[in-house]
Structure formats: C-alpha cells, structure tokens
Amino acid sequence: MNAIQPADTLARQLALVIDLNVCVGCHACVTSCKEWNTSGAAGPLTDLNTRGAQPTGTFFNRVQTYEAGAFPVTETIHFPKSCLHCEEPPCVPVCPTGASYKRAEDGIVLVDYDKCIGCKYCAWACPYGAREFDEERKVMTKCTLCVDRVYDEHLPPQDRKPACVKACPTGARLFGDVKDPDSEVSQAIRERGGYQLMPEWGTQPANQYLPRVRTAAVAGGRGAGSAATERPATVDALKPTLAALCAGTQEA
C-alpha cells in the first residue's frame, strides 16, 4: 500500500479550473493533449483499429457533451474531464506495486510505468473513470498535468502550462496552485463559485469547475428570445448527469 501525503500538509497543489460557461466543446484540449503526450515523456498514446467497428484509444482528456432542459427549450453542455489530481486519491493506496503515487511537492498524481503491471486496480478505485489502459504497452495511464512542460526551463515562462490550457481558444481552462489564495485559479474559485466534482466521495479533487450561467429560457422555461441569465441555484441539479457520465467513462 502507498502512503499519501495528508492534504492539509501539501504546500502546493497544482490543478486545473475549468469554466463551463465558455467551453464550446471544440476538443482543442483533447487533440493538443494527445499530440503533446504522444510525443513526450508520457507517450506513445496508442490507438487501435481506429477505423473499425470497435476502435480503442488512450486519451488523458475527454469532453463529454449532453443536453440540458426539455424540448423545445434546451441547451448543450460541454463537460471536459480528466484526472482530477485528488488530494485524497483512491487510486494510490490500492496500487500493489507503488506505481501510482502523489507528489508531495506539487500534489500531481502520476504513474511510474516501470512499476505498473496493468492490473487495473487504480481504474476500479477511481470514481471518476479517469484512468486509461494502454492496450499496446499494457500499463495504466492518466493526465500528468503536462509535468514535463510545467517544469521545462527551456520553455518561455508563459508556455509552462499544460498543453490543453495553451490550446483552449476561449480561455476556459485555468492552471495554477489552488493552495495559493492569490493565484488566478484560487481567485476564480472564490469569485465564481468554483466547485469540486462529486465532493461526497471524499476524494477532494484538486481540479475544480466554474458553474455555467443558464439562460432564463432554459432555467424557467420562458421564450427563447429572453436575454436574461442566472446562475444555477445549486450544483445538485447536475449531479445525476455528472454521476452518469463518470460511470459511463469508468465502464468504457
């Protein structure tokens, strides 16, 4: 069993904060993640039988899309999801070889491929379905927050961010230290009501989401011509859908 650094003793916790209000579902984060990690330290991320009836592929980041509301008043929600780098990651203590671990210096959860035996215990333990099994290498993989970019001193400071953050055309993805109250991500969480995904699971996800502003038409069923907007009164309304999305990814 692996020991986990207690969450309240971590000096830094690097994480993503995703603004659901401006995500347009373009998948730029997905493709940039795939491109960078396939050619970087985490790659290659394999795809098998890509043109067949049952293609399989390894992705660190996915965008799940669903409809909210009831016809004819609906809206499309795009929900990006990857490893949430939990402060209490359930994937770490179940790993029999110590391949899954959480770094004390920045809170990033990683996999040591040399130790991984592909047993998939971590995938079963992860309630968010964020683990990916690489069919070719027979190891478990996951988002690394582009740790090789973040600490690369050969890159300009403005480029030391995850590939998905750099690629997002709408600025929907923020990156920084959520333990630093003055960081951009911490300010966004405070000012915009950022929330953790399914906090009742007790994993304390480091990644957080900024809630979507709903149009009055969808929120109250009025005519689509109304320009009024409102914030959801609570995230609880989305929980059944989010739970279903997590379960679906985990089964896949």
Protein backbone atom coordinates (compact mmCIF):
# COMPACT_ATOMS: atom_id res chain seq x y z
CA MET A 1 0.00 0.00 0.00
CA ASN A 2 1.19 3.52 -0.78
CA ALA A 3 1.21 6.29 1.80
CA ILE A 4 -0.50 9.53 0.78
CA GLN A 5 0.71 12.92 1.91
CA PRO A 6 -2.10 14.40 4.06
CA ALA A 7 -3.95 17.01 2.03
CA ASP A 8 -3.55 19.74 4.63
CA THR A 9 0.25 19.36 4.67
CA LEU A 10 0.76 19.96 0.95
CA ALA A 11 2.44 23.32 0.35
CA ARG A 12 1.31 23.41 -3.28
CA GLN A 13 -1.44 21.75 -5.25
CA LEU A 14 -1.31 22.34 -8.98
CA ALA A 15 -4.66 21.91 -10.68
CA LEU A 16 -6.97 22.92 -13.49
CA VAL A 17 -10.03 25.11 -13.10
CA ILE A 18 -12.47 24.72 -16.00
CA ASP A 19 -15.03 27.38 -16.89
CA LEU A 20 -18.12 25.55 -18.13
CA ASN A 21 -19.66 28.83 -19.18
CA VAL A 22 -17.21 29.39 -22.03
CA CYS A 23 -16.29 25.82 -23.06
CA VAL A 24 -17.60 25.34 -26.60
CA GLY A 25 -16.76 21.64 -26.96
CA CYS A 26 -14.24 22.20 -29.75
CA HIS A 27 -11.97 19.37 -28.49
CA ALA A 28 -8.84 21.50 -28.90
CA CYS A 29 -7.87 20.39 -25.38
CA VAL A 30 -8.31 16.74 -26.38
CA THR A 31 -6.23 16.92 -29.55
CA SER A 32 -3.48 19.09 -28.06
CA CYS A 33 -3.21 16.76 -25.09
CA LYS A 34 -2.98 13.75 -27.37
CA GLU A 35 -0.37 15.38 -29.59
CA TRP A 36 1.86 16.61 -26.76
CA ASN A 37 1.77 13.45 -24.67
CA THR A 38 2.20 11.08 -27.60
CA SER A 39 5.46 12.80 -28.47
CA GLY A 40 6.51 13.48 -24.86
CA ALA A 41 7.53 11.60 -21.74
CA ALA A 42 4.10 10.01 -21.27
CA GLY A 43 3.73 8.66 -24.79
CA PRO A 44 3.12 6.99 -27.08
CA LEU A 45 -0.63 7.03 -26.50
CA THR A 46 -1.84 4.26 -28.75
CA ASP A 47 -4.95 3.94 -30.88
CA LEU A 48 -6.01 0.53 -32.16
CA ASN A 49 -8.38 -0.34 -35.02
CA THR A 50 -9.18 3.35 -35.47
CA ARG A 51 -11.41 2.77 -38.50
CA GLY A 52 -13.08 -0.39 -37.29
CA ALA A 53 -16.38 -1.03 -35.58
CA GLN A 54 -14.83 -1.08 -32.10
CA PRO A 55 -11.92 1.36 -32.02
CA THR A 56 -9.93 1.82 -28.82
CA GLY A 57 -7.69 4.71 -27.89
CA THR A 58 -5.83 6.23 -24.98
CA PHE A 59 -6.80 9.80 -24.08
CA PHE A 60 -5.82 11.77 -20.99
CA ASN A 61 -8.58 14.30 -21.58
CA ARG A 62 -12.11 13.83 -22.89
CA VAL A 63 -15.04 16.18 -23.50
CA GLN A 64 -18.48 14.75 -22.76
CA THR A 65 -21.49 16.55 -24.22
CA TYR A 66 -25.12 16.34 -23.21
CA GLU A 67 -28.37 18.28 -23.48
CA ALA A 68 -29.96 20.08 -20.53
CA GLY A 69 -33.57 21.16 -20.26
CA ALA A 70 -36.64 19.78 -22.02
CA PHE A 71 -37.59 20.12 -25.67
CA PRO A 72 -38.07 22.63 -27.19
CA VAL A 73 -36.12 24.67 -24.63
CA THR A 74 -32.72 23.00 -24.28
CA GLU A 75 -29.05 23.88 -24.26
CA THR A 76 -25.88 21.92 -24.91
CA ILE A 77 -23.43 21.40 -22.07
CA HIS A 78 -19.80 20.51 -22.79
CA PHE A 79 -18.05 18.88 -19.84
CA PRO A 80 -14.26 18.35 -20.12
CA LYS A 81 -12.90 15.75 -17.73
CA SER A 82 -9.53 14.25 -16.97
CA CYS A 83 -7.71 13.06 -13.85
CA LEU A 84 -8.70 15.45 -11.06
CA HIS A 85 -5.44 15.02 -9.09
CA CYS A 86 -7.40 14.39 -5.93
CA GLU A 87 -5.94 15.45 -2.62
CA GLU A 88 -7.08 12.06 -1.29
CA PRO A 89 -6.66 9.91 -4.44
CA PRO A 90 -8.24 6.45 -4.01
CA CYS A 91 -6.13 5.15 -6.90
CA VAL A 92 -2.88 5.45 -4.94
CA PRO A 93 -3.35 3.16 -1.91
CA VAL A 94 -4.81 0.31 -3.97
CA CYS A 95 -1.79 0.05 -6.30
CA PRO A 96 0.07 -3.16 -5.33
CA THR A 97 3.41 -2.09 -6.83
CA GLY A 98 3.56 1.58 -5.85
CA ALA A 99 3.28 2.65 -9.50
CA SER A 100 0.56 5.20 -8.69
CA TYR A 101 1.75 7.98 -6.43
CA LYS A 102 1.04 11.58 -5.44
CA ARG A 103 3.92 14.02 -5.45
CA ALA A 104 4.47 15.89 -2.19
CA GLU A 105 5.98 18.95 -3.88
CA ASP A 106 3.03 19.86 -6.10
CA GLY A 107 0.22 17.34 -5.50
CA ILE A 108 0.30 15.89 -9.03
CA VAL A 109 -0.79 12.24 -9.23
CA LEU A 110 1.40 10.20 -11.58
CA VAL A 111 2.09 6.64 -12.71
CA ASP A 112 5.54 5.04 -12.82
CA TYR A 113 5.25 2.93 -15.98
CA ASP A 114 8.26 0.83 -14.99
CA LYS A 115 6.37 -0.38 -11.91
CA CYS A 116 2.89 -0.65 -13.43
CA ILE A 117 1.72 -4.21 -14.10
CA GLY A 118 -1.59 -3.23 -15.72
CA CYS A 119 -3.75 -4.83 -13.03
CA LYS A 120 -6.34 -2.02 -13.36
CA TYR A 121 -6.93 -1.76 -9.60
CA CYS A 122 -6.49 2.02 -9.89
CA ALA A 123 -9.16 2.20 -12.61
CA TRP A 124 -11.61 0.32 -10.41
CA ALA A 125 -10.83 2.60 -7.47
CA CYS A 126 -11.18 5.87 -9.39
CA PRO A 127 -14.81 7.03 -9.08
CA TYR A 128 -14.40 9.46 -11.98
CA GLY A 129 -13.32 6.95 -14.62
CA ALA A 130 -10.16 8.97 -15.25
CA ARG A 131 -7.72 6.10 -15.71
CA GLU A 132 -6.84 4.86 -19.20
CA PHE A 133 -5.42 1.44 -20.03
CA ASP A 134 -2.90 1.49 -22.86
CA GLU A 135 -3.67 -1.67 -24.84
CA GLU A 136 -0.28 -1.76 -26.54
CA ARG A 137 2.01 -1.12 -23.58
CA LYS A 138 -0.31 -2.86 -21.06
CA VAL A 139 0.03 -0.09 -18.49
CA MET A 140 -2.36 2.34 -16.87
CA THR A 141 -2.05 5.96 -17.98
CA LYS A 142 -3.59 9.27 -16.98
CA CYS A 143 -3.30 13.05 -17.16
CA THR A 144 0.05 14.27 -15.84
CA LEU A 145 -0.85 17.98 -15.92
CA CYS A 146 1.93 18.07 -18.52
CA VAL A 147 4.51 17.95 -15.74
CA ASP A 148 7.23 17.83 -18.40
CA ARG A 149 6.06 21.20 -19.77
CA VAL A 150 5.39 22.88 -16.44
CA TYR A 151 8.96 22.42 -15.22
CA ASP A 152 10.78 22.77 -18.55
CA GLU A 153 13.14 25.72 -18.10
CA HIS A 154 13.84 25.72 -21.84
CA LEU A 155 10.30 26.94 -22.46
CA PRO A 156 9.32 30.61 -22.01
CA PRO A 157 7.51 31.14 -18.67
CA GLN A 158 4.20 31.79 -20.43
CA ASP A 159 4.40 28.37 -22.10
CA ARG A 160 4.97 26.40 -18.89
CA LYS A 161 1.37 25.30 -18.74
CA PRO A 162 -0.45 22.10 -19.72
CA ALA A 163 -0.96 21.72 -23.46
CA CYS A 164 -4.73 21.79 -23.04
CA VAL A 165 -4.57 25.19 -21.32
CA LYS A 166 -2.42 26.67 -24.06
CA ALA A 167 -4.68 25.30 -26.80
CA CYS A 168 -8.07 26.40 -25.45
CA PRO A 169 -9.38 29.13 -27.80
CA THR A 170 -11.90 30.51 -25.29
CA GLY A 171 -9.74 30.56 -22.17
CA ALA A 172 -11.98 28.00 -20.49
CA ARG A 173 -9.05 26.28 -18.79
CA LEU A 174 -7.03 27.90 -16.00
CA PHE A 175 -3.95 26.37 -14.37
CA GLY A 176 -2.20 27.13 -11.12
CA ASP A 177 -1.77 26.45 -7.42
CA VAL A 178 -5.12 26.12 -5.67
CA LYS A 179 -3.32 26.31 -2.30
CA ASP A 180 -2.15 29.84 -3.09
CA PRO A 181 -5.00 32.22 -2.22
CA ASP A 182 -3.60 34.86 -4.56
CA SER A 183 -3.31 32.61 -7.62
CA GLU A 184 -5.53 33.07 -10.65
CA VAL A 185 -7.25 29.74 -10.03
CA SER A 186 -7.98 30.45 -6.37
CA GLN A 187 -9.42 33.86 -7.19
CA ALA A 188 -11.62 32.34 -9.90
CA ILE A 189 -12.91 29.68 -7.48
CA ARG A 190 -13.78 32.30 -4.87
CA GLU A 191 -15.32 34.86 -7.21
CA ARG A 192 -17.19 32.44 -9.50
CA GLY A 193 -18.32 29.80 -7.03
CA GLY A 194 -15.98 27.06 -8.20
CA TYR A 195 -16.88 23.55 -7.07
CA GLN A 196 -15.41 20.07 -6.89
CA LEU A 197 -16.87 17.19 -8.86
CA MET A 198 -18.90 14.87 -6.65
CA PRO A 199 -17.38 16.01 -3.31
CA GLU A 200 -19.46 13.46 -1.40
CA TRP A 201 -16.99 10.79 -2.50
CA GLY A 202 -14.40 12.32 -0.16
CA THR A 203 -11.58 12.39 -2.70
CA GLN A 204 -11.15 16.19 -2.55
CA PRO A 205 -10.49 16.73 -6.29
CA ALA A 206 -7.88 19.43 -6.88
CA ASN A 207 -9.37 20.27 -10.28
CA GLN A 208 -12.50 22.37 -9.97
CA TYR A 209 -15.23 23.73 -12.23
CA LEU A 210 -16.74 27.18 -12.60
CA PRO A 211 -20.54 26.81 -12.91
CA ARG A 212 -22.36 27.51 -16.12
CA VAL A 213 -24.64 30.52 -16.35
CA ARG A 214 -28.00 29.30 -17.61
CA THR A 215 -30.26 31.30 -19.87
CA ALA A 216 -33.58 32.26 -18.34
CA ALA A 217 -35.31 30.38 -21.15
CA VAL A 218 -33.77 27.09 -20.04
CA ALA A 219 -33.89 27.84 -16.34
CA GLY A 220 -37.51 28.92 -16.26
CA GLY A 221 -39.00 27.61 -19.49
CA ARG A 222 -39.72 31.05 -20.91
CA GLY A 223 -39.43 32.07 -24.54
CA ALA A 224 -36.05 31.61 -26.16
CA GLY A 225 -35.91 35.29 -27.04
CA SER A 226 -35.23 36.35 -23.45
CA ALA A 227 -31.69 37.55 -22.88
CA ALA A 228 -31.80 37.24 -19.10
CA THR A 229 -29.38 34.86 -17.40
CA GLU A 230 -29.00 33.34 -13.97
CA ARG A 231 -26.57 31.07 -12.15
CA PRO A 232 -27.79 27.63 -11.15
CA ALA A 233 -29.10 27.80 -7.60
CA THR A 234 -27.15 24.65 -6.81
CA VAL A 235 -24.86 22.16 -8.48
CA ASP A 236 -27.10 19.37 -7.16
CA ALA A 237 -29.29 19.64 -10.27
CA LEU A 238 -26.40 18.43 -12.40
CA LYS A 239 -25.25 15.65 -10.08
CA PRO A 240 -27.30 12.79 -11.61
CA THR A 241 -25.97 13.62 -15.06
CA LEU A 242 -22.38 14.04 -13.88
CA ALA A 243 -22.52 10.77 -11.96
CA ALA A 244 -23.82 9.00 -15.08
CA LEU A 245 -21.04 10.49 -17.19
CA CYS A 246 -18.40 9.36 -14.69
CA ALA A 247 -19.88 5.88 -14.53
CA GLY A 248 -20.04 5.64 -18.31
CA THR A 249 -16.39 6.59 -18.68
CA GLN A 250 -15.34 4.14 -16.00
CA GLU A 251 -17.15 1.27 -17.69
CA ALA A 252 -15.58 2.17 -21.03
